[in-house]
Amino acid sequence: MAGAEEYFGKALAIAHQAAETQLGAIRVAAGLVAEALAGGKRFWVFGTGHSHALAEELYGRAGGLADVRAILEPGLMLHEGLQKSSLLERLPGLAAVLLEVNQLASGDVVLIASNSGRNAVPVEFALGARERGAQVIALTSLAHTTSTTSRAPGGQRLFETADVVIDNCGVPGDALIEVPGSPELTGATSTTVGAMLVQALTVEIVTRLAERGETPNVLRSLNV
């Protein structure tokens, strides 16, 4: 195999691994979210850098939950510049501002996506959310995060701050494929597999709500 064919093979293997190993964590996470929504609390989603795409994947999607609060801080996304977002996600104290502005509260649940799980903002956001009585779901690469050190002042990594950890099963550095003549690996999986995992989480949440006798608030596509 070479090129796209090799990527398909390896990426699908990681997707299968995630589907086979993360179902338990997804079910636990879905139980937390369903309990929160049924009790009138809120479900928040947050990510920095490319991980913000997974927050957007849960927000405003056809077939997704309408009751999702996405924290999409412009400076932490990519459209204002890669260098800016990379520097800001390492900035201690920024998470406290976002928590205050968005008013996370006791009984809420927040999903935080961070492939490396090492930068200050996602780690401090998780710690601050838990201090406020919210529960934290981490979506991260355990292989990557356990092979590196934290940039957060307290030394924690995201998975060490969470109530539930969902592993995207990606490799350290995210990229998979070695191409002769290229100095760096290519072909990342954190977004593709992460999107599958958060969609599975959505389906499980909707199922749990329906089983409770609640009517899930699910969005229908505006294009049908």
C-alpha atoms as a PDB file:
ATOM      1  CA  MET A   1       0.000   0.000   0.000  1.00  0.00           C
ATOM      2  CA  ALA A   2       1.034   3.586  -0.556  1.00  0.00           C
ATOM      3  CA  GLY A   3      -0.482   7.040  -0.375  1.00  0.00           C
ATOM      4  CA  ALA A   4      -4.218   7.328   0.197  1.00  0.00           C
ATOM      5  CA  GLU A   5      -4.686   3.551   0.269  1.00  0.00           C
ATOM      6  CA  GLU A   6      -2.275   3.203   3.172  1.00  0.00           C
ATOM      7  CA  TYR A   7      -3.999   6.025   5.034  1.00  0.00           C
ATOM      8  CA  PHE A   8      -7.431   4.452   4.578  1.00  0.00           C
ATOM      9  CA  GLY A   9      -6.179   1.134   5.916  1.00  0.00           C
ATOM     10  CA  LYS A  10      -4.460   2.553   8.985  1.00  0.00           C
ATOM     11  CA  ALA A  11      -7.111   5.159   9.776  1.00  0.00           C
ATOM     12  CA  LEU A  12      -9.903   2.594   9.541  1.00  0.00           C
ATOM     13  CA  ALA A  13      -7.942   0.291  11.866  1.00  0.00           C
ATOM     14  CA  ILE A  14      -7.784   3.084  14.453  1.00  0.00           C
ATOM     15  CA  ALA A  15     -11.484   3.786  13.977  1.00  0.00           C
ATOM     16  CA  HIS A  16     -12.281   0.096  14.561  1.00  0.00           C
ATOM     17  CA  GLN A  17     -10.068   0.071  17.650  1.00  0.00           C
ATOM     18  CA  ALA A  18     -11.851   3.126  19.030  1.00  0.00           C
ATOM     19  CA  ALA A  19     -15.282   1.620  18.331  1.00  0.00           C
ATOM     20  CA  GLU A  20     -14.322  -1.627  20.039  1.00  0.00           C
ATOM     21  CA  THR A  21     -12.637  -0.132  23.107  1.00  0.00           C
ATOM     22  CA  GLN A  22     -14.486   3.120  23.851  1.00  0.00           C
ATOM     23  CA  LEU A  23     -18.114   1.986  23.933  1.00  0.00           C
ATOM     24  CA  GLY A  24     -18.064   1.676  27.713  1.00  0.00           C
ATOM     25  CA  ALA A  25     -16.720   5.194  28.191  1.00  0.00           C
ATOM     26  CA  ILE A  26     -19.245   6.576  25.709  1.00  0.00           C
ATOM     27  CA  ARG A  27     -22.087   4.928  27.608  1.00  0.00           C
ATOM     28  CA  VAL A  28     -20.907   6.368  30.914  1.00  0.00           C
ATOM     29  CA  ALA A  29     -20.487   9.820  29.361  1.00  0.00           C
ATOM     30  CA  ALA A  30     -23.919   9.647  27.739  1.00  0.00           C
ATOM     31  CA  GLY A  31     -25.460   8.779  31.093  1.00  0.00           C
ATOM     32  CA  LEU A  32     -23.961  11.914  32.627  1.00  0.00           C
ATOM     33  CA  VAL A  33     -25.238  14.127  29.823  1.00  0.00           C
ATOM     34  CA  ALA A  34     -28.724  12.589  29.750  1.00  0.00           C
ATOM     35  CA  GLU A  35     -29.031  13.009  33.510  1.00  0.00           C
ATOM     36  CA  ALA A  36     -27.954  16.648  33.255  1.00  0.00           C
ATOM     37  CA  LEU A  37     -30.310  17.514  30.394  1.00  0.00           C
ATOM     38  CA  ALA A  38     -33.252  15.720  31.989  1.00  0.00           C
ATOM     39  CA  GLY A  39     -32.616  17.740  35.144  1.00  0.00           C
ATOM     40  CA  GLY A  40     -32.593  21.072  33.348  1.00  0.00           C
ATOM     41  CA  LYS A  41     -28.796  21.430  33.362  1.00  0.00           C
ATOM     42  CA  ARG A  42     -26.564  22.162  30.384  1.00  0.00           C
ATOM     43  CA  PHE A  43     -24.217  20.250  28.083  1.00  0.00           C
ATOM     44  CA  TRP A  44     -21.177  22.263  27.024  1.00  0.00           C
ATOM     45  CA  VAL A  45     -18.547  21.407  24.397  1.00  0.00           C
ATOM     46  CA  PHE A  46     -15.104  22.967  24.056  1.00  0.00           C
ATOM     47  CA  GLY A  47     -11.851  22.473  22.196  1.00  0.00           C
ATOM     48  CA  THR A  48      -8.836  24.527  21.162  1.00  0.00           C
ATOM     49  CA  GLY A  49      -6.901  24.515  17.896  1.00  0.00           C
ATOM     50  CA  HIS A  50      -8.086  21.768  15.547  1.00  0.00           C
ATOM     51  CA  SER A  51     -10.005  20.199  18.434  1.00  0.00           C
ATOM     52  CA  HIS A  52     -12.516  23.040  18.219  1.00  0.00           C
ATOM     53  CA  ALA A  53     -13.837  21.205  15.143  1.00  0.00           C
ATOM     54  CA  LEU A  54     -15.173  18.496  17.457  1.00  0.00           C
ATOM     55  CA  ALA A  55     -17.055  21.092  19.496  1.00  0.00           C
ATOM     56  CA  GLU A  56     -18.579  22.340  16.246  1.00  0.00           C
ATOM     57  CA  GLU A  57     -19.356  18.752  15.231  1.00  0.00           C
ATOM     58  CA  LEU A  58     -21.720  18.573  18.207  1.00  0.00           C
ATOM     59  CA  TYR A  59     -23.202  22.026  17.709  1.00  0.00           C
ATOM     60  CA  GLY A  60     -26.070  22.780  15.350  1.00  0.00           C
ATOM     61  CA  ARG A  61     -25.763  19.502  13.452  1.00  0.00           C
ATOM     62  CA  ALA A  62     -28.630  17.746  11.697  1.00  0.00           C
ATOM     63  CA  GLY A  63     -29.434  14.749  13.864  1.00  0.00           C
ATOM     64  CA  GLY A  64     -27.641  16.355  16.789  1.00  0.00           C
ATOM     65  CA  LEU A  65     -28.880  17.731  20.065  1.00  0.00           C
ATOM     66  CA  ALA A  66     -30.261  21.240  20.048  1.00  0.00           C
ATOM     67  CA  ASP A  67     -29.365  21.527  23.741  1.00  0.00           C
ATOM     68  CA  VAL A  68     -25.612  21.885  23.200  1.00  0.00           C
ATOM     69  CA  ARG A  69     -23.679  24.949  24.305  1.00  0.00           C
ATOM     70  CA  ALA A  70     -20.525  25.290  22.224  1.00  0.00           C
ATOM     71  CA  ILE A  71     -17.705  27.492  23.490  1.00  0.00           C
ATOM     72  CA  LEU A  72     -16.102  28.748  20.294  1.00  0.00           C
ATOM     73  CA  GLU A  73     -13.589  31.350  21.381  1.00  0.00           C
ATOM     74  CA  PRO A  74     -12.277  32.965  18.166  1.00  0.00           C
ATOM     75  CA  GLY A  75      -8.674  33.354  19.306  1.00  0.00           C
ATOM     76  CA  LEU A  76      -8.477  29.657  20.176  1.00  0.00           C
ATOM     77  CA  MET A  77      -9.728  28.575  16.770  1.00  0.00           C
ATOM     78  CA  LEU A  78      -7.648  28.807  13.611  1.00  0.00           C
ATOM     79  CA  HIS A  79      -9.169  31.524  11.456  1.00  0.00           C
ATOM     80  CA  GLU A  80      -7.308  34.277  13.342  1.00  0.00           C
ATOM     81  CA  GLY A  81      -3.978  32.580  12.747  1.00  0.00           C
ATOM     82  CA  LEU A  82      -2.284  29.311  13.628  1.00  0.00           C
ATOM     83  CA  GLN A  83       0.452  30.949  15.699  1.00  0.00           C
ATOM     84  CA  LYS A  84      -2.062  32.994  17.694  1.00  0.00           C
ATOM     85  CA  SER A  85      -4.230  29.994  18.571  1.00  0.00           C
ATOM     86  CA  SER A  86      -1.182  27.887  19.460  1.00  0.00           C
ATOM     87  CA  LEU A  87       0.123  30.547  21.835  1.00  0.00           C
ATOM     88  CA  LEU A  88      -3.245  31.303  23.405  1.00  0.00           C
ATOM     89  CA  GLU A  89      -4.063  27.660  24.185  1.00  0.00           C
ATOM     90  CA  ARG A  90      -0.885  27.582  26.305  1.00  0.00           C
ATOM     91  CA  LEU A  91      -1.820  30.745  28.225  1.00  0.00           C
ATOM     92  CA  PRO A  92      -2.481  30.171  31.940  1.00  0.00           C
ATOM     93  CA  GLY A  93      -5.513  32.019  33.257  1.00  0.00           C
ATOM     94  CA  LEU A  94      -7.426  32.247  29.984  1.00  0.00           C
ATOM     95  CA  ALA A  95      -9.667  29.328  30.917  1.00  0.00           C
ATOM     96  CA  ALA A  96     -10.870  31.187  34.023  1.00  0.00           C
ATOM     97  CA  VAL A  97     -12.136  34.011  31.804  1.00  0.00           C
ATOM     98  CA  LEU A  98     -14.009  31.590  29.551  1.00  0.00           C
ATOM     99  CA  LEU A  99     -15.568  29.825  32.538  1.00  0.00           C
ATOM    100  CA  GLU A 100     -16.748  33.118  33.981  1.00  0.00           C
ATOM    101  CA  VAL A 101     -18.137  34.425  30.703  1.00  0.00           C
ATOM    102  CA  ASN A 102     -19.991  31.195  29.919  1.00  0.00           C
ATOM    103  CA  GLN A 103     -21.224  30.618  33.484  1.00  0.00           C
ATOM    104  CA  LEU A 104     -20.712  26.879  33.806  1.00  0.00           C
ATOM    105  CA  ALA A 105     -22.560  25.722  36.888  1.00  0.00           C
ATOM    106  CA  SER A 106     -23.054  22.806  39.225  1.00  0.00           C
ATOM    107  CA  GLY A 107     -24.778  19.873  37.551  1.00  0.00           C
ATOM    108  CA  ASP A 108     -23.642  20.841  34.048  1.00  0.00           C
ATOM    109  CA  VAL A 109     -21.528  18.511  31.900  1.00  0.00           C
ATOM    110  CA  VAL A 110     -18.743  19.638  29.574  1.00  0.00           C
ATOM    111  CA  LEU A 111     -16.941  17.660  26.880  1.00  0.00           C
ATOM    112  CA  ILE A 112     -13.413  18.970  26.300  1.00  0.00           C
ATOM    113  CA  ALA A 113     -11.535  17.806  23.216  1.00  0.00           C
ATOM    114  CA  SER A 114      -7.742  18.001  23.150  1.00  0.00           C
ATOM    115  CA  ASN A 115      -5.638  15.485  21.268  1.00  0.00           C
ATOM    116  CA  SER A 116      -2.452  16.105  23.271  1.00  0.00           C
ATOM    117  CA  GLY A 117      -4.247  17.049  26.477  1.00  0.00           C
ATOM    118  CA  ARG A 118      -1.195  19.004  27.608  1.00  0.00           C
ATOM    119  CA  ASN A 119      -1.941  22.695  27.081  1.00  0.00           C
ATOM    120  CA  ALA A 120      -2.971  25.079  29.835  1.00  0.00           C
ATOM    121  CA  VAL A 121      -6.375  26.163  28.548  1.00  0.00           C
ATOM    122  CA  PRO A 122      -8.135  22.777  28.205  1.00  0.00           C
ATOM    123  CA  VAL A 123      -6.579  21.507  31.447  1.00  0.00           C
ATOM    124  CA  GLU A 124      -7.465  24.618  33.452  1.00  0.00           C
ATOM    125  CA  PHE A 125     -10.918  24.682  31.878  1.00  0.00           C
ATOM    126  CA  ALA A 126     -11.521  21.133  33.119  1.00  0.00           C
ATOM    127  CA  LEU A 127     -10.246  21.935  36.600  1.00  0.00           C
ATOM    128  CA  GLY A 128     -12.333  25.089  36.814  1.00  0.00           C
ATOM    129  CA  ALA A 129     -15.454  23.314  35.566  1.00  0.00           C
ATOM    130  CA  ARG A 130     -15.091  20.662  38.256  1.00  0.00           C
ATOM    131  CA  GLU A 131     -14.536  23.328  40.913  1.00  0.00           C
ATOM    132  CA  ARG A 132     -17.914  24.747  39.878  1.00  0.00           C
ATOM    133  CA  GLY A 133     -19.570  21.349  40.290  1.00  0.00           C
ATOM    134  CA  ALA A 134     -19.699  20.395  36.606  1.00  0.00           C
ATOM    135  CA  GLN A 135     -18.644  16.988  35.329  1.00  0.00           C
ATOM    136  CA  VAL A 136     -15.962  16.668  32.667  1.00  0.00           C
ATOM    137  CA  ILE A 137     -15.714  14.329  29.685  1.00  0.00           C
ATOM    138  CA  ALA A 138     -12.268  14.342  28.064  1.00  0.00           C
ATOM    139  CA  LEU A 139     -11.753  13.339  24.434  1.00  0.00           C
ATOM    140  CA  THR A 140      -8.038  12.847  23.933  1.00  0.00           C
ATOM    141  CA  SER A 141      -5.299  10.564  22.646  1.00  0.00           C
ATOM    142  CA  LEU A 142      -4.032   8.558  25.584  1.00  0.00           C
ATOM    143  CA  ALA A 143      -1.036   7.352  23.583  1.00  0.00           C
ATOM    144  CA  HIS A 144      -0.025  10.923  22.854  1.00  0.00           C
ATOM    145  CA  THR A 145      -0.776  12.514  26.209  1.00  0.00           C
ATOM    146  CA  THR A 146       0.925   9.827  28.267  1.00  0.00           C
ATOM    147  CA  SER A 147       4.076  10.220  26.167  1.00  0.00           C
ATOM    148  CA  THR A 148       4.431  13.930  26.881  1.00  0.00           C
ATOM    149  CA  THR A 149       4.483  16.434  29.729  1.00  0.00           C
ATOM    150  CA  SER A 150       1.911  19.033  30.695  1.00  0.00           C
ATOM    151  CA  ARG A 151       2.192  22.724  29.859  1.00  0.00           C
ATOM    152  CA  ALA A 152      -0.391  23.605  32.524  1.00  0.00           C
ATOM    153  CA  PRO A 153       1.002  25.301  35.650  1.00  0.00           C
ATOM    154  CA  GLY A 154      -0.258  22.504  37.900  1.00  0.00           C
ATOM    155  CA  GLY A 155       1.351  19.784  35.794  1.00  0.00           C
ATOM    156  CA  GLN A 156      -1.851  17.884  34.998  1.00  0.00           C
ATOM    157  CA  ARG A 157      -2.894  16.565  31.642  1.00  0.00           C
ATOM    158  CA  LEU A 158      -6.518  16.619  30.537  1.00  0.00           C
ATOM    159  CA  PHE A 159      -7.206  12.937  31.152  1.00  0.00           C
ATOM    160  CA  GLU A 160      -6.056  13.391  34.756  1.00  0.00           C
ATOM    161  CA  THR A 161      -8.729  16.054  35.368  1.00  0.00           C
ATOM    162  CA  ALA A 162     -11.768  14.307  33.855  1.00  0.00           C
ATOM    163  CA  ASP A 163     -14.645  12.238  35.218  1.00  0.00           C
ATOM    164  CA  VAL A 164     -14.789  10.195  31.997  1.00  0.00           C
ATOM    165  CA  VAL A 165     -12.050   9.754  29.383  1.00  0.00           C
ATOM    166  CA  ILE A 166     -12.764   8.829  25.759  1.00  0.00           C
ATOM    167  CA  ASP A 167      -9.612   7.775  23.892  1.00  0.00           C
ATOM    168  CA  ASN A 168      -9.449   8.537  20.173  1.00  0.00           C
ATOM    169  CA  CYS A 169      -6.810   5.780  19.924  1.00  0.00           C
ATOM    170  CA  GLY A 170      -4.562   7.972  17.812  1.00  0.00           C
ATOM    171  CA  VAL A 171      -0.778   7.766  17.710  1.00  0.00           C
ATOM    172  CA  PRO A 172       1.593  10.309  19.297  1.00  0.00           C
ATOM    173  CA  GLY A 173       1.866  13.248  16.943  1.00  0.00           C
ATOM    174  CA  ASP A 174      -1.469  12.321  15.294  1.00  0.00           C
ATOM    175  CA  ALA A 175      -0.068  11.709  11.783  1.00  0.00           C
ATOM    176  CA  LEU A 176       0.252   8.124  10.566  1.00  0.00           C
ATOM    177  CA  ILE A 177       1.966   7.779   7.214  1.00  0.00           C
ATOM    178  CA  GLU A 178       5.643   7.848   6.360  1.00  0.00           C
ATOM    179  CA  VAL A 179       6.209   8.997   2.790  1.00  0.00           C
ATOM    180  CA  PRO A 180       9.651   8.569   1.206  1.00  0.00           C
ATOM    181  CA  GLY A 181      11.077  12.007   0.534  1.00  0.00           C
ATOM    182  CA  SER A 182       8.932  13.727   3.145  1.00  0.00           C
ATOM    183  CA  PRO A 183      10.663  14.696   6.405  1.00  0.00           C
ATOM    184  CA  GLU A 184       7.457  14.440   8.439  1.00  0.00           C
ATOM    185  CA  LEU A 185       4.646  11.947   8.831  1.00  0.00           C
ATOM    186  CA  THR A 186       1.311  12.840   7.224  1.00  0.00           C
ATOM    187  CA  GLY A 187      -2.344  11.823   7.585  1.00  0.00           C
ATOM    188  CA  ALA A 188      -3.882  12.732  10.971  1.00  0.00           C
ATOM    189  CA  THR A 189      -6.800  10.880  12.572  1.00  0.00           C
ATOM    190  CA  SER A 190      -7.848  12.871  15.650  1.00  0.00           C
ATOM    191  CA  THR A 191     -10.606  14.773  13.853  1.00  0.00           C
ATOM    192  CA  THR A 192     -11.951  11.930  11.728  1.00  0.00           C
ATOM    193  CA  VAL A 193     -12.073   9.406  14.558  1.00  0.00           C
ATOM    194  CA  GLY A 194     -13.087  12.085  17.052  1.00  0.00           C
ATOM    195  CA  ALA A 195     -16.091  13.007  14.906  1.00  0.00           C
ATOM    196  CA  MET A 196     -17.188   9.373  14.840  1.00  0.00           C
ATOM    197  CA  LEU A 197     -16.877   9.144  18.620  1.00  0.00           C
ATOM    198  CA  VAL A 198     -18.869  12.298  19.359  1.00  0.00           C
ATOM    199  CA  GLN A 199     -21.598  11.225  16.927  1.00  0.00           C
ATOM    200  CA  ALA A 200     -21.770   7.867  18.711  1.00  0.00           C
ATOM    201  CA  LEU A 201     -22.020   9.795  21.983  1.00  0.00           C
ATOM    202  CA  THR A 202     -24.897  11.847  20.564  1.00  0.00           C
ATOM    203  CA  VAL A 203     -26.817   8.735  19.517  1.00  0.00           C
ATOM    204  CA  GLU A 204     -26.298   7.229  22.964  1.00  0.00           C
ATOM    205  CA  ILE A 205     -27.494  10.417  24.697  1.00  0.00           C
ATOM    206  CA  VAL A 206     -30.631  10.551  22.545  1.00  0.00           C
ATOM    207  CA  THR A 207     -31.260   6.874  23.299  1.00  0.00           C
ATOM    208  CA  ARG A 208     -30.871   7.440  27.045  1.00  0.00           C
ATOM    209  CA  LEU A 209     -33.242  10.417  26.998  1.00  0.00           C
ATOM    210  CA  ALA A 210     -35.874   8.469  25.063  1.00  0.00           C
ATOM    211  CA  GLU A 211     -35.565   5.552  27.491  1.00  0.00           C
ATOM    212  CA  ARG A 212     -36.264   7.969  30.352  1.00  0.00           C
ATOM    213  CA  GLY A 213     -39.508   9.037  28.688  1.00  0.00           C
ATOM    214  CA  GLU A 214     -38.040  12.392  27.637  1.00  0.00           C
ATOM    215  CA  THR A 215     -38.531  13.756  24.127  1.00  0.00           C
ATOM    216  CA  PRO A 216     -34.997  14.358  22.820  1.00  0.00           C
ATOM    217  CA  ASN A 217     -34.541  17.814  21.322  1.00  0.00           C
ATOM    218  CA  VAL A 218     -32.909  16.717  18.063  1.00  0.00           C
ATOM    219  CA  LEU A 219     -32.248  19.024  15.119  1.00  0.00           C
ATOM    220  CA  ARG A 220     -33.573  18.225  11.667  1.00  0.00           C
ATOM    221  CA  SER A 221     -31.623  19.273   8.594  1.00  0.00           C
ATOM    222  CA  LEU A 222     -32.718  22.612   7.130  1.00  0.00           C
ATOM    223  CA  ASN A 223     -32.020  21.151   3.685  1.00  0.00           C
ATOM    224  CA  VAL A 224     -34.709  18.456   3.623  1.00  0.00           C
END
